[in-house]
N, C-alpha and C. Protein backbone atom coordinates (compact mmCIF):
# COMPACT_ATOMS: atom_id res chain seq x y z
N UNK A 1 -11.00 -10.27 -7.54
CA UNK A 1 -10.65 -9.62 -6.98
C UNK A 1 -8.99 -9.85 -7.31
N UNK A 2 -8.55 -9.49 -7.80
CA UNK A 2 -7.07 -9.73 -7.64
C UNK A 2 -6.70 -8.60 -7.01
N UNK A 3 -5.03 -8.61 -5.95
CA UNK A 3 -4.33 -7.57 -5.61
C UNK A 3 -3.41 -7.34 -7.30
N UNK A 4 -3.64 -5.71 -7.46
CA UNK A 4 -2.57 -6.28 -8.92
C UNK A 4 -1.15 -5.55 -8.71
N UNK A 5 -0.54 -5.34 -9.47
CA UNK A 5 0.88 -5.48 -9.64
C UNK A 5 1.67 -4.29 -8.96
N UNK A 6 0.45 -3.38 -8.91
CA UNK A 6 0.94 -2.03 -7.55
C UNK A 6 0.99 -1.76 -6.74
N UNK A 7 -0.21 -2.45 -6.26
CA UNK A 7 -0.11 -2.96 -4.56
C UNK A 7 0.74 -4.20 -4.32
N UNK A 8 1.17 -5.46 -4.50
CA UNK A 8 2.51 -6.13 -4.05
C UNK A 8 3.67 -5.45 -4.77
N UNK A 9 3.79 -4.26 -5.33
CA UNK A 9 4.81 -3.86 -5.14
C UNK A 9 5.28 -2.96 -4.29
N UNK A 10 3.81 -2.06 -4.23
CA UNK A 10 3.85 -0.79 -2.77
C UNK A 10 4.33 -1.56 -1.66
N UNK A 11 3.84 -2.72 -1.49
CA UNK A 11 3.96 -3.28 -0.19
C UNK A 11 5.66 -3.91 -0.45
N UNK A 12 6.48 -4.33 -1.41
CA UNK A 12 7.54 -4.68 -1.75
C UNK A 12 8.28 -3.26 -1.16
N UNK A 13 8.13 -2.33 -1.58
CA UNK A 13 8.95 -0.80 -1.42
C UNK A 13 8.85 -0.69 0.08
N UNK A 14 7.99 -0.82 0.61
CA UNK A 14 7.04 -0.65 2.28
C UNK A 14 8.29 -1.40 2.85
N UNK A 15 8.43 -2.57 2.79
CA UNK A 15 9.22 -3.61 3.07
C UNK A 15 10.79 -3.70 2.85
N UNK A 16 11.24 -2.86 1.91
CA UNK A 16 12.64 -2.88 1.55
C UNK A 16 13.00 -1.93 2.21
N UNK A 17 12.16 -0.20 2.18
CA UNK A 17 12.38 1.06 3.29
C UNK A 17 12.53 0.55 5.15
N UNK A 18 11.46 -0.50 5.06
CA UNK A 18 11.95 -1.72 6.52
C UNK A 18 13.40 -2.07 6.72
N UNK A 19 13.75 -2.83 6.06
CA UNK A 19 15.04 -3.43 5.92
C UNK A 19 15.60 -3.08 6.00
N UNK A 20 16.05 -2.06 5.43
CA UNK A 20 16.99 -0.38 5.61
C UNK A 20 16.95 0.43 6.20
N UNK A 21 16.22 0.31 7.49
CA UNK A 21 15.33 1.38 8.18
C UNK A 21 16.64 2.33 9.29
N UNK A 22 17.52 1.35 9.19
CA UNK A 22 18.62 1.89 10.39
C UNK A 22 19.68 2.66 9.77
N UNK A 23 19.34 2.46 8.09
CA UNK A 23 20.81 2.74 7.20
C UNK A 23 20.29 4.33 6.79
N UNK A 24 21.02 5.07 6.23
CA UNK A 24 20.66 6.06 5.27
C UNK A 24 19.77 6.12 4.68
N UNK A 25 19.13 7.14 4.41
CA UNK A 25 17.45 7.29 3.40
C UNK A 25 17.89 6.75 2.25
N UNK A 26 16.84 6.15 1.77
CA UNK A 26 16.94 5.03 0.34
C UNK A 26 16.66 6.03 -1.25
N UNK A 27 17.31 5.38 -1.35
CA UNK A 27 17.39 6.76 -2.90
C UNK A 27 16.27 5.49 -4.45
N UNK A 28 15.83 6.07 -4.61
CA UNK A 28 15.09 5.43 -5.73
C UNK A 28 15.71 4.37 -6.35
N UNK A 29 17.08 4.69 -7.18
CA UNK A 29 17.51 3.61 -7.78
C UNK A 29 18.04 2.76 -6.61
N UNK A 30 18.53 3.10 -5.80
CA UNK A 30 18.76 1.49 -4.74
C UNK A 30 17.28 1.07 -4.16
N UNK A 31 16.39 1.54 -4.25
CA UNK A 31 14.44 0.31 -4.03
C UNK A 31 15.18 -0.67 -5.26
N UNK A 32 14.87 0.41 -6.65
CA UNK A 32 14.31 0.21 -7.78
C UNK A 32 15.29 -1.43 -8.07
N UNK A 33 16.44 -1.64 -7.28
CA UNK A 33 17.86 -2.18 -7.77
C UNK A 33 17.33 -3.34 -7.02
N UNK A 34 17.20 -3.00 -5.78
CA UNK A 34 17.13 -4.21 -5.00
C UNK A 34 15.84 -4.95 -5.28
N UNK A 35 14.85 -4.24 -5.90
CA UNK A 35 13.54 -5.44 -6.16
C UNK A 35 13.32 -5.48 -7.48
N UNK A 36 14.60 -5.16 -8.18
CA UNK A 36 14.35 -5.61 -9.71
C UNK A 36 13.43 -5.03 -11.03
N UNK A 37 12.95 -3.59 -9.98
CA UNK A 37 12.01 -2.97 -11.21
C UNK A 37 12.49 -2.18 -11.79
N UNK A 38 11.97 -1.50 -12.43
CA UNK A 38 12.88 -0.16 -13.02
C UNK A 38 12.73 1.15 -12.19
N UNK A 39 13.46 2.34 -12.58
CA UNK A 39 13.68 3.57 -11.47
C UNK A 39 12.17 4.41 -11.94
N UNK A 40 11.73 3.89 -13.02
CA UNK A 40 10.80 4.64 -13.38
C UNK A 40 9.23 3.93 -12.56
N UNK A 41 9.45 3.27 -13.07
CA UNK A 41 8.13 2.82 -12.23
C UNK A 41 8.12 2.69 -10.53
N UNK A 42 9.13 2.59 -9.34
CA UNK A 42 9.35 2.70 -8.31
C UNK A 42 8.79 3.97 -8.14
N UNK A 43 9.31 4.91 -9.28
CA UNK A 43 9.37 6.55 -8.36
C UNK A 43 7.82 6.87 -8.45
N UNK A 44 6.76 6.08 -9.21
CA UNK A 44 5.54 6.53 -9.09
C UNK A 44 4.81 5.83 -8.20
N UNK A 45 5.45 5.06 -7.44
CA UNK A 45 4.82 4.16 -6.97
C UNK A 45 5.14 4.85 -5.11
N UNK A 46 6.55 5.43 -5.34
CA UNK A 46 6.89 6.35 -4.05
C UNK A 46 6.60 7.56 -4.12
N UNK A 47 5.67 8.23 -5.01
CA UNK A 47 4.80 9.68 -5.10
C UNK A 47 3.64 9.12 -3.93
N UNK A 48 3.33 8.20 -4.92
CA UNK A 48 1.32 7.27 -4.04
C UNK A 48 1.87 7.17 -2.91
N UNK A 49 3.02 6.35 -2.00
CA UNK A 49 2.83 6.21 -0.52
C UNK A 49 3.34 7.68 0.15
N UNK A 50 4.31 8.04 -0.96
CA UNK A 50 5.01 9.46 0.21
C UNK A 50 3.21 10.53 0.41
N UNK A 51 2.54 10.52 -0.85
CA UNK A 51 1.03 11.10 -0.60
C UNK A 51 0.17 10.86 0.49
N UNK A 52 0.31 9.64 0.97
CA UNK A 52 -0.40 8.59 1.92
C UNK A 52 0.08 9.05 3.00
N UNK A 53 1.42 9.33 3.18
CA UNK A 53 2.55 9.70 4.36
C UNK A 53 2.88 8.37 5.00
N UNK A 54 3.11 7.21 4.22
CA UNK A 54 3.72 6.07 4.25
C UNK A 54 5.21 6.33 4.21
N UNK A 55 5.76 7.13 3.62
CA UNK A 55 6.60 7.81 2.87
C UNK A 55 7.18 9.00 3.32
N UNK A 56 8.63 9.33 3.62
CA UNK A 56 8.83 10.58 3.44
C UNK A 56 10.46 10.92 2.89
N UNK A 57 10.04 12.24 1.98
CA UNK A 57 11.41 12.55 1.82
C UNK A 57 12.30 13.37 2.12
N UNK A 58 13.40 12.94 2.31
CA UNK A 58 14.40 13.85 3.04
C UNK A 58 15.29 14.84 1.70
N UNK A 59 15.34 15.58 1.83
CA UNK A 59 16.09 16.63 0.76
C UNK A 59 17.73 16.94 1.62
N UNK A 60 18.26 17.06 0.23
CA UNK A 60 19.75 17.06 0.20
C UNK A 60 20.56 15.88 -0.48
N UNK A 61 21.81 16.24 0.11
CA UNK A 61 22.85 16.04 -0.37
C UNK A 61 22.92 14.07 -0.17
N UNK A 62 22.40 14.30 1.32
CA UNK A 62 22.18 12.56 1.91
C UNK A 62 21.10 12.53 1.86
N UNK A 63 19.78 12.95 0.79
CA UNK A 63 18.17 12.82 1.10
C UNK A 63 17.86 11.11 0.41
N UNK A 64 16.48 11.27 0.58
CA UNK A 64 15.94 9.93 -0.34
C UNK A 64 14.52 9.59 0.27
N UNK A 65 14.04 8.86 0.86
CA UNK A 65 13.06 8.31 1.30
C UNK A 65 13.48 7.55 2.63
N UNK A 66 12.73 7.54 3.58
CA UNK A 66 12.31 7.02 4.64
C UNK A 66 10.83 6.83 5.50
N UNK A 67 10.60 6.05 5.92
CA UNK A 67 9.43 5.32 6.28
C UNK A 67 9.34 6.27 7.58
N UNK A 68 7.44 6.52 7.23
CA UNK A 68 7.25 8.11 7.93
C UNK A 68 6.52 7.53 9.22
N UNK A 69 6.06 6.26 9.12
CA UNK A 69 5.68 5.39 10.18
C UNK A 69 6.16 4.38 10.97
N UNK A 70 5.96 3.90 11.80
CA UNK A 70 6.25 2.44 12.47
C UNK A 70 5.77 1.41 12.00
N UNK A 71 6.67 0.47 11.58
CA UNK A 71 6.10 -0.66 10.15
C UNK A 71 4.51 -1.41 11.18
N UNK A 72 4.84 -1.29 12.42
CA UNK A 72 3.41 -2.33 13.53
C UNK A 72 2.31 -0.87 13.66
N UNK A 73 2.47 0.14 12.41
CA UNK A 73 1.31 1.34 12.29
C UNK A 73 0.79 1.45 10.71
N UNK A 74 1.41 0.52 9.94
CA UNK A 74 1.87 0.48 8.77
C UNK A 74 0.56 -0.59 8.20
N UNK A 75 -0.54 -0.43 8.09
CA UNK A 75 -1.66 -1.26 7.74
C UNK A 75 -0.93 -2.24 6.53
N UNK A 76 -2.03 -3.04 5.37
CA UNK A 76 -1.75 -3.33 4.02
C UNK A 76 -3.20 -2.60 3.47
N UNK A 77 -3.98 -2.56 3.92
CA UNK A 77 -4.98 -1.56 3.30
C UNK A 77 -4.45 0.16 3.40
N UNK A 78 -3.65 -0.03 4.22
CA UNK A 78 -2.87 1.73 3.56
C UNK A 78 -2.50 1.51 2.26
N UNK A 79 -1.84 0.42 2.54
CA UNK A 79 -0.65 0.48 1.32
C UNK A 79 -1.63 0.14 -0.14
N UNK A 80 -2.42 -0.61 -0.10
CA UNK A 80 -3.05 -0.74 -1.27
C UNK A 80 -3.84 -0.10 -1.76
N UNK A 81 -4.69 0.66 -0.41
CA UNK A 81 -5.31 2.20 -1.41
C UNK A 81 -4.73 3.31 -1.49
N UNK A 82 -3.27 3.06 -1.13
CA UNK A 82 -2.46 4.23 -1.67
C UNK A 82 -2.19 4.29 -2.92
N UNK A 83 -1.97 2.82 -3.38
CA UNK A 83 -1.43 2.37 -4.38
C UNK A 83 -2.71 2.33 -5.90
N UNK A 84 -3.83 1.79 -4.89
CA UNK A 84 -5.38 1.86 -5.92
C UNK A 84 -6.58 2.56 -5.74
N UNK A 85 -6.27 3.49 -4.80
CA UNK A 85 -7.38 3.69 -4.34
C UNK A 85 -8.33 2.84 -2.90
N UNK A 86 -9.74 3.97 -3.03
CA UNK A 86 -10.89 2.85 -1.91
C UNK A 86 -11.00 1.32 -2.43
N UNK A 87 -10.56 0.35 -1.47
CA UNK A 87 -10.66 -0.74 -2.09
C UNK A 87 -12.40 -1.38 -1.96
N UNK A 88 -12.46 -2.00 -3.03
CA UNK A 88 -13.84 -2.10 -3.74
C UNK A 88 -14.11 -3.32 -4.50
N UNK A 89 -14.60 -4.25 -4.27
CA UNK A 89 -14.33 -6.11 -5.24
C UNK A 89 -15.75 -5.33 -6.23
N UNK A 90 -16.58 -4.62 -6.38
CA UNK A 90 -17.67 -4.41 -7.11
C UNK A 90 -16.98 -2.58 -6.89
N UNK A 91 -17.89 -2.23 -8.09
CA UNK A 91 -17.82 -1.21 -7.91
C UNK A 91 -19.21 -0.26 -7.35
N UNK A 92 -20.11 -0.82 -7.29
CA UNK A 92 -21.19 -0.51 -6.77
C UNK A 92 -21.15 -0.18 -5.40
N UNK A 93 -20.06 -1.12 -5.01
CA UNK A 93 -19.69 -1.32 -3.38
C UNK A 93 -19.63 0.61 -3.53
N UNK A 94 -18.43 0.42 -3.43
CA UNK A 94 -17.50 2.24 -3.56
C UNK A 94 -18.95 3.42 -4.44
N UNK A 95 -19.39 3.34 -5.41
CA UNK A 95 -19.93 4.40 -5.66
C UNK A 95 -21.92 3.72 -5.99
N UNK A 96 -22.04 3.87 -5.53
CA UNK A 96 -23.61 3.26 -5.75
C UNK A 96 -24.27 3.92 -7.20
N UNK A 97 -23.75 4.85 -7.25
CA UNK A 97 -24.45 6.06 -8.59
C UNK A 97 -23.80 4.90 -10.02
N UNK A 98 -23.13 4.48 -10.11
CA UNK A 98 -22.44 3.64 -10.75
C UNK A 98 -23.16 2.72 -11.66
N UNK A 99 -24.40 2.33 -10.74
CA UNK A 99 -25.19 1.53 -11.14
C UNK A 99 -27.20 1.64 -11.10
N UNK A 100 -27.82 1.56 -11.83
CA UNK A 100 -28.66 1.91 -11.64
C UNK A 100 -29.68 0.95 -10.61
N UNK A 101 -29.53 -0.18 -10.83
CA UNK A 101 -29.71 -0.92 -10.52
C UNK A 101 -29.84 -1.12 -8.45
N UNK A 102 -28.64 -0.18 -8.08
CA UNK A 102 -28.07 -0.32 -6.93
C UNK A 102 -28.53 -0.13 -5.53
N UNK A 103 -29.70 0.98 -5.72
CA UNK A 103 -31.27 1.04 -4.82
C UNK A 103 -31.96 -0.65 -4.73
N UNK A 104 -31.80 -1.36 -5.28
CA UNK A 104 -32.64 -2.51 -5.32
C UNK A 104 -32.21 -3.89 -5.25
N UNK A 105 -30.59 -3.58 -5.91
CA UNK A 105 -29.72 -4.66 -6.10
C UNK A 105 -29.47 -5.62 -4.84
N UNK A 106 -30.81 -7.14 -4.99
CA UNK A 106 -30.65 -7.52 -3.76
C UNK A 106 -28.84 -7.94 -3.17
N UNK A 107 -28.52 -8.19 -4.29
CA UNK A 107 -27.14 -8.99 -4.27
C UNK A 107 -25.85 -7.76 -3.89
N UNK A 108 -26.69 -6.59 -3.66
CA UNK A 108 -25.74 -5.40 -3.46
C UNK A 108 -25.13 -5.63 -2.00
N UNK A 109 -25.63 -6.55 -1.15
CA UNK A 109 -25.63 -6.69 0.56
C UNK A 109 -24.71 -6.87 0.97
N UNK A 110 -24.57 -8.37 -0.06
CA UNK A 110 -22.97 -9.48 0.29
C UNK A 110 -22.35 -9.01 -0.59
N UNK A 111 -22.13 -7.97 -1.28
CA UNK A 111 -20.98 -7.49 -1.93
C UNK A 111 -20.61 -6.56 -0.47
N UNK A 112 -21.26 -6.02 -0.43
CA UNK A 112 -20.59 -4.42 0.45
C UNK A 112 -20.35 -5.59 1.87
N UNK A 113 -21.35 -6.38 2.26
CA UNK A 113 -20.22 -7.68 3.42
C UNK A 113 -19.19 -8.04 3.22
N UNK A 114 -19.10 -8.86 1.78
CA UNK A 114 -17.55 -8.83 1.75
C UNK A 114 -16.98 -8.22 1.82
N UNK A 115 -16.80 -7.17 0.91
CA UNK A 115 -15.49 -6.01 0.23
C UNK A 115 -15.52 -5.78 2.14
N UNK A 116 -16.39 -5.29 2.87
CA UNK A 116 -16.01 -5.05 4.31
C UNK A 116 -15.36 -6.21 5.00
N UNK A 117 -15.42 -6.89 4.97
CA UNK A 117 -14.76 -8.44 5.61
C UNK A 117 -13.50 -8.05 4.73
N UNK A 118 -13.33 -8.29 3.61
CA UNK A 118 -11.51 -8.35 3.00
C UNK A 118 -11.18 -7.02 3.65
N UNK A 119 -11.69 -6.22 3.53
CA UNK A 119 -11.36 -4.78 3.81
C UNK A 119 -10.51 -4.82 5.92
N UNK A 120 -11.71 -5.01 6.53
CA UNK A 120 -11.15 -5.64 7.91
C UNK A 120 -9.91 -6.68 8.14
N UNK A 121 -9.90 -7.52 6.85
CA UNK A 121 -8.44 -8.30 7.27
C UNK A 121 -7.30 -7.77 7.02
N UNK A 122 -7.49 -6.64 5.45
CA UNK A 122 -6.48 -6.21 4.81
C UNK A 122 -5.84 -4.75 6.32
N UNK A 123 -6.74 -4.66 7.14
CA UNK A 123 -6.62 -2.98 7.95
C UNK A 123 -5.80 -3.99 9.25
N UNK A 124 -6.45 -5.17 9.52
CA UNK A 124 -5.42 -5.81 10.91
C UNK A 124 -4.19 -6.50 10.66
N UNK A 125 -3.99 -6.50 9.09
CA UNK A 125 -2.82 -6.64 9.09
C UNK A 125 -1.13 -5.67 8.67
N UNK A 126 -0.31 -5.91 9.43
CA UNK A 126 0.73 -4.38 9.08
C UNK A 126 2.03 -5.00 8.84
N UNK A 127 2.47 -4.54 8.81
CA UNK A 127 3.73 -4.21 7.95
C UNK A 127 5.23 -5.59 8.37
N UNK A 128 4.96 -5.44 9.92
CA UNK A 128 5.38 -5.65 11.02
C UNK A 128 5.00 -7.04 11.17
N UNK A 129 3.50 -7.34 11.09
CA UNK A 129 2.92 -8.90 10.98
C UNK A 129 3.97 -9.90 10.04
N UNK A 130 3.94 -8.97 8.34
CA UNK A 130 4.06 -9.54 7.54
C UNK A 130 5.60 -9.86 7.41
N UNK A 131 6.58 -9.19 7.91
CA UNK A 131 8.13 -8.94 7.72
C UNK A 131 8.18 -9.79 9.37
N UNK A 132 7.63 -10.26 10.42
CA UNK A 132 7.74 -10.87 11.72
C UNK A 132 9.04 -10.89 12.09
N UNK A 133 9.56 -12.45 12.22
CA UNK A 133 10.27 -12.38 13.39
C UNK A 133 11.71 -12.07 12.14
N UNK A 134 11.55 -11.91 11.38
CA UNK A 134 12.86 -11.98 9.89
C UNK A 134 13.12 -9.70 10.07
N UNK A 135 12.40 -9.41 10.88
CA UNK A 135 13.05 -8.20 11.16
C UNK A 135 12.91 -7.72 12.50
N UNK A 136 13.93 -7.37 13.21
CA UNK A 136 14.27 -6.43 14.82
C UNK A 136 14.09 -4.93 14.57
N UNK A 137 13.25 -4.82 15.35
CA UNK A 137 13.24 -3.12 15.25
C UNK A 137 14.41 -2.05 16.24
């Protein structure tokens, strides 16, 4: 299993928002510039983060995007699932119907256990944990 580019960049965007949380709302162009990404790519990721309630948009002349939650309450699992969908190391864990063998597969149990352990670790780590002492609220 690999964490995709979308997942890594989604985390970077949320951390960028946390760094500038005391400032005015962030514009997509400012996030893109500070992260070295294209505006179009950042816009696509921001839409996903907003849809999951991690970010919210502020309308108007002084609008942009802000965090919708405290960084102590935003988990890695939320971010990665916002970017990728439900975490699953093999397709049959999330969707048993995708494999004809899923009801009799002896390996499926271990895949499910591993998937749950990975999800638990991602759910136990927050943006605050990652940013640590480098970020003050």
